[in-house]
Amino acid sequence: MPEFFNRTSLNEDQVIDFIRADFESQFPKSCTACGHLFKSVKEYIENTVHIGQPRSFDADMQDWQPSRPLGTFAFSKCNCGNTLTLCSSSVEDKTMRKLLAWFKKEGQRRNVSISELLNNLRTKVEAQVLEKS
């Protein structure tokens, strides 16, 4: 678990940094249909189209402290039409529970659904990635 996750509360910048690092750890990534290799998050952002908003299946079930988190998923479409996924499957359970608690609190504070919150975070991560290139 990243050191800042040991603190009592998280802030949005820490969550964005974590999500970005998790996204970046999933590359390079290949499309299973056409074989296109996305070498980086930047290339992925520039060459895919989002399919809906990201989803937390744990939040959808209102399970904020799952013993085995199902995770969070963001779906995109490759140029060939195949669906690609970025997911939180490599995130430790303890870290995922901490993120879920933050998602719940922030969603309530902002009066938005968890998917809307996740979409907002994804937009900010993508802006950072594209800005730094």
C-alpha atoms as a PDB file:
ATOM      1  CA  MET A   1       0.000   0.000   0.000  1.00  0.00           C
ATOM      2  CA  PRO A   2       1.416   3.435  -0.850  1.00  0.00           C
ATOM      3  CA  GLU A   3       2.670   5.300   2.217  1.00  0.00           C
ATOM      4  CA  PHE A   4       0.064   8.076   1.976  1.00  0.00           C
ATOM      5  CA  PHE A   5      -2.710   5.464   2.175  1.00  0.00           C
ATOM      6  CA  ASN A   6      -1.679   4.803   5.773  1.00  0.00           C
ATOM      7  CA  ARG A   7      -2.928   8.236   6.777  1.00  0.00           C
ATOM      8  CA  THR A   8      -6.382   8.608   8.222  1.00  0.00           C
ATOM      9  CA  SER A   9      -7.804  10.372   5.184  1.00  0.00           C
ATOM     10  CA  LEU A  10      -7.049  10.695   1.497  1.00  0.00           C
ATOM     11  CA  ASN A  11      -7.375  13.696  -0.760  1.00  0.00           C
ATOM     12  CA  GLU A  12      -8.283  13.810  -4.441  1.00  0.00           C
ATOM     13  CA  ASP A  13      -4.724  14.443  -5.628  1.00  0.00           C
ATOM     14  CA  GLN A  14      -3.502  11.301  -3.837  1.00  0.00           C
ATOM     15  CA  VAL A  15      -6.310   9.230  -5.347  1.00  0.00           C
ATOM     16  CA  ILE A  16      -5.587  10.605  -8.833  1.00  0.00           C
ATOM     17  CA  ASP A  17      -1.861   9.854  -8.437  1.00  0.00           C
ATOM     18  CA  PHE A  18      -2.685   6.310  -7.354  1.00  0.00           C
ATOM     19  CA  ILE A  19      -5.125   5.707 -10.217  1.00  0.00           C
ATOM     20  CA  ARG A  20      -2.640   7.087 -12.735  1.00  0.00           C
ATOM     21  CA  ALA A  21       0.144   4.833 -11.419  1.00  0.00           C
ATOM     22  CA  ASP A  22      -2.215   1.849 -11.523  1.00  0.00           C
ATOM     23  CA  PHE A  23      -3.233   2.659 -15.126  1.00  0.00           C
ATOM     24  CA  GLU A  24       0.419   3.079 -16.153  1.00  0.00           C
ATOM     25  CA  SER A  25       1.310  -0.294 -14.605  1.00  0.00           C
ATOM     26  CA  GLN A  26      -1.075  -1.977 -17.068  1.00  0.00           C
ATOM     27  CA  PHE A  27       0.997  -1.025 -20.124  1.00  0.00           C
ATOM     28  CA  PRO A  28       2.067  -2.106 -22.609  1.00  0.00           C
ATOM     29  CA  LYS A  29      -1.358  -3.596 -23.374  1.00  0.00           C
ATOM     30  CA  SER A  30      -2.464  -5.491 -26.476  1.00  0.00           C
ATOM     31  CA  CYS A  31      -5.873  -5.725 -28.088  1.00  0.00           C
ATOM     32  CA  THR A  32      -6.838  -9.398 -28.086  1.00  0.00           C
ATOM     33  CA  ALA A  33      -8.790  -9.008 -31.336  1.00  0.00           C
ATOM     34  CA  CYS A  34      -6.490  -7.064 -33.679  1.00  0.00           C
ATOM     35  CA  GLY A  35      -3.210  -7.368 -31.787  1.00  0.00           C
ATOM     36  CA  HIS A  36      -2.564  -3.606 -31.667  1.00  0.00           C
ATOM     37  CA  LEU A  37       0.002  -2.870 -28.968  1.00  0.00           C
ATOM     38  CA  PHE A  38      -0.727   0.191 -26.863  1.00  0.00           C
ATOM     39  CA  LYS A  39       2.725   1.047 -25.545  1.00  0.00           C
ATOM     40  CA  SER A  40       1.536   3.640 -23.027  1.00  0.00           C
ATOM     41  CA  VAL A  41      -1.489   5.130 -21.294  1.00  0.00           C
ATOM     42  CA  LYS A  42      -1.101   8.144 -23.587  1.00  0.00           C
ATOM     43  CA  GLU A  43      -1.331   6.011 -26.725  1.00  0.00           C
ATOM     44  CA  TYR A  44      -4.331   4.185 -25.229  1.00  0.00           C
ATOM     45  CA  ILE A  45      -6.129   7.454 -24.459  1.00  0.00           C
ATOM     46  CA  GLU A  46      -5.454   8.814 -27.927  1.00  0.00           C
ATOM     47  CA  ASN A  47      -6.543   5.664 -29.775  1.00  0.00           C
ATOM     48  CA  THR A  48      -9.576   4.362 -27.914  1.00  0.00           C
ATOM     49  CA  VAL A  49     -13.081   5.610 -27.185  1.00  0.00           C
ATOM     50  CA  HIS A  50     -14.693   5.293 -23.748  1.00  0.00           C
ATOM     51  CA  ILE A  51     -17.644   2.973 -23.374  1.00  0.00           C
ATOM     52  CA  GLY A  52     -19.751   4.542 -20.643  1.00  0.00           C
ATOM     53  CA  GLN A  53     -18.490   5.575 -17.250  1.00  0.00           C
ATOM     54  CA  PRO A  54     -16.092   3.547 -15.094  1.00  0.00           C
ATOM     55  CA  ARG A  55     -17.788   1.191 -12.636  1.00  0.00           C
ATOM     56  CA  SER A  56     -17.005  -0.097  -9.210  1.00  0.00           C
ATOM     57  CA  PHE A  57     -18.830  -3.382  -8.869  1.00  0.00           C
ATOM     58  CA  ASP A  58     -18.359  -3.284  -5.095  1.00  0.00           C
ATOM     59  CA  ALA A  59     -19.977   0.165  -4.905  1.00  0.00           C
ATOM     60  CA  ASP A  60     -22.782  -0.986  -7.221  1.00  0.00           C
ATOM     61  CA  MET A  61     -23.567  -3.663  -4.623  1.00  0.00           C
ATOM     62  CA  GLN A  62     -23.160  -1.159  -1.745  1.00  0.00           C
ATOM     63  CA  ASP A  63     -20.365  -3.330  -0.355  1.00  0.00           C
ATOM     64  CA  TRP A  64     -17.960  -0.714   0.986  1.00  0.00           C
ATOM     65  CA  GLN A  65     -15.707  -3.097   2.950  1.00  0.00           C
ATOM     66  CA  PRO A  66     -15.652  -6.307   0.893  1.00  0.00           C
ATOM     67  CA  SER A  67     -13.429  -9.126   2.086  1.00  0.00           C
ATOM     68  CA  ARG A  68     -12.493  -9.788  -1.579  1.00  0.00           C
ATOM     69  CA  PRO A  69     -13.159  -6.643  -3.642  1.00  0.00           C
ATOM     70  CA  LEU A  70     -14.496  -7.212  -7.149  1.00  0.00           C
ATOM     71  CA  GLY A  71     -12.832  -4.023  -8.324  1.00  0.00           C
ATOM     72  CA  THR A  72     -13.253  -1.030 -10.544  1.00  0.00           C
ATOM     73  CA  PHE A  73     -13.358  -1.216 -14.333  1.00  0.00           C
ATOM     74  CA  ALA A  74     -13.133   1.310 -17.177  1.00  0.00           C
ATOM     75  CA  PHE A  75     -14.140   0.100 -20.631  1.00  0.00           C
ATOM     76  CA  SER A  76     -12.929   1.492 -23.957  1.00  0.00           C
ATOM     77  CA  LYS A  77     -13.272   0.528 -27.584  1.00  0.00           C
ATOM     78  CA  CYS A  78     -10.247  -0.235 -29.753  1.00  0.00           C
ATOM     79  CA  ASN A  79     -10.255   1.064 -33.334  1.00  0.00           C
ATOM     80  CA  CYS A  80     -11.103  -2.498 -34.421  1.00  0.00           C
ATOM     81  CA  GLY A  81     -14.266  -2.412 -32.265  1.00  0.00           C
ATOM     82  CA  ASN A  82     -13.057  -4.765 -29.528  1.00  0.00           C
ATOM     83  CA  THR A  83     -13.743  -3.819 -25.905  1.00  0.00           C
ATOM     84  CA  LEU A  84     -10.655  -3.149 -23.780  1.00  0.00           C
ATOM     85  CA  THR A  85     -10.567  -2.861 -20.011  1.00  0.00           C
ATOM     86  CA  LEU A  86      -8.474  -1.066 -17.441  1.00  0.00           C
ATOM     87  CA  CYS A  87      -9.177  -2.531 -14.027  1.00  0.00           C
ATOM     88  CA  SER A  88      -8.057  -2.508 -10.431  1.00  0.00           C
ATOM     89  CA  SER A  89      -7.316  -6.239 -10.298  1.00  0.00           C
ATOM     90  CA  SER A  90      -3.707  -5.710  -9.191  1.00  0.00           C
ATOM     91  CA  VAL A  91      -4.681  -3.403  -6.311  1.00  0.00           C
ATOM     92  CA  GLU A  92      -4.310  -4.980  -2.871  1.00  0.00           C
ATOM     93  CA  ASP A  93      -7.594  -5.680  -1.070  1.00  0.00           C
ATOM     94  CA  LYS A  94      -6.687  -3.379   1.843  1.00  0.00           C
ATOM     95  CA  THR A  95      -5.919  -0.515  -0.571  1.00  0.00           C
ATOM     96  CA  MET A  96      -9.116  -1.124  -2.525  1.00  0.00           C
ATOM     97  CA  ARG A  97     -11.180  -0.939   0.668  1.00  0.00           C
ATOM     98  CA  LYS A  98      -9.516   2.383   1.535  1.00  0.00           C
ATOM     99  CA  LEU A  99     -10.331   3.687  -1.958  1.00  0.00           C
ATOM    100  CA  LEU A 100     -13.920   2.470  -1.688  1.00  0.00           C
ATOM    101  CA  ALA A 101     -14.345   4.341   1.594  1.00  0.00           C
ATOM    102  CA  TRP A 102     -13.014   7.494  -0.080  1.00  0.00           C
ATOM    103  CA  PHE A 103     -15.302   6.984  -3.117  1.00  0.00           C
ATOM    104  CA  LYS A 104     -18.330   6.626  -0.855  1.00  0.00           C
ATOM    105  CA  LYS A 105     -17.484   9.715   1.201  1.00  0.00           C
ATOM    106  CA  GLU A 106     -16.660  11.843  -1.849  1.00  0.00           C
ATOM    107  CA  GLY A 107     -19.686  10.671  -3.813  1.00  0.00           C
ATOM    108  CA  GLN A 108     -21.945  11.670  -0.916  1.00  0.00           C
ATOM    109  CA  ARG A 109     -20.124  14.976  -0.391  1.00  0.00           C
ATOM    110  CA  ARG A 110     -20.402  15.887  -4.081  1.00  0.00           C
ATOM    111  CA  ASN A 111     -23.877  14.376  -4.413  1.00  0.00           C
ATOM    112  CA  VAL A 112     -22.858  12.259  -7.436  1.00  0.00           C
ATOM    113  CA  SER A 113     -22.936   8.563  -8.221  1.00  0.00           C
ATOM    114  CA  ILE A 114     -19.739   6.570  -7.795  1.00  0.00           C
ATOM    115  CA  SER A 115     -19.570   6.108 -11.574  1.00  0.00           C
ATOM    116  CA  GLU A 116     -19.796   9.881 -12.057  1.00  0.00           C
ATOM    117  CA  LEU A 117     -17.050  10.371  -9.482  1.00  0.00           C
ATOM    118  CA  LEU A 118     -14.858   7.741 -11.168  1.00  0.00           C
ATOM    119  CA  ASN A 119     -15.482   9.341 -14.552  1.00  0.00           C
ATOM    120  CA  ASN A 120     -14.387  12.708 -13.174  1.00  0.00           C
ATOM    121  CA  LEU A 121     -11.212  11.134 -11.759  1.00  0.00           C
ATOM    122  CA  ARG A 122     -10.495   9.366 -15.066  1.00  0.00           C
ATOM    123  CA  THR A 123     -10.894  12.674 -16.918  1.00  0.00           C
ATOM    124  CA  LYS A 124      -8.365  14.305 -14.580  1.00  0.00           C
ATOM    125  CA  VAL A 125      -5.895  11.430 -14.931  1.00  0.00           C
ATOM    126  CA  GLU A 126      -6.182  11.585 -18.712  1.00  0.00           C
ATOM    127  CA  ALA A 127      -5.661  15.358 -18.730  1.00  0.00           C
ATOM    128  CA  GLN A 128      -2.470  14.904 -16.683  1.00  0.00           C
ATOM    129  CA  VAL A 129      -1.181  12.190 -19.015  1.00  0.00           C
ATOM    130  CA  LEU A 130      -1.870  14.233 -22.147  1.00  0.00           C
ATOM    131  CA  GLU A 131      -0.510  17.452 -20.613  1.00  0.00           C
ATOM    132  CA  LYS A 132       2.850  15.907 -19.746  1.00  0.00           C
ATOM    133  CA  SER A 133       3.566  14.661 -23.254  1.00  0.00           C
END
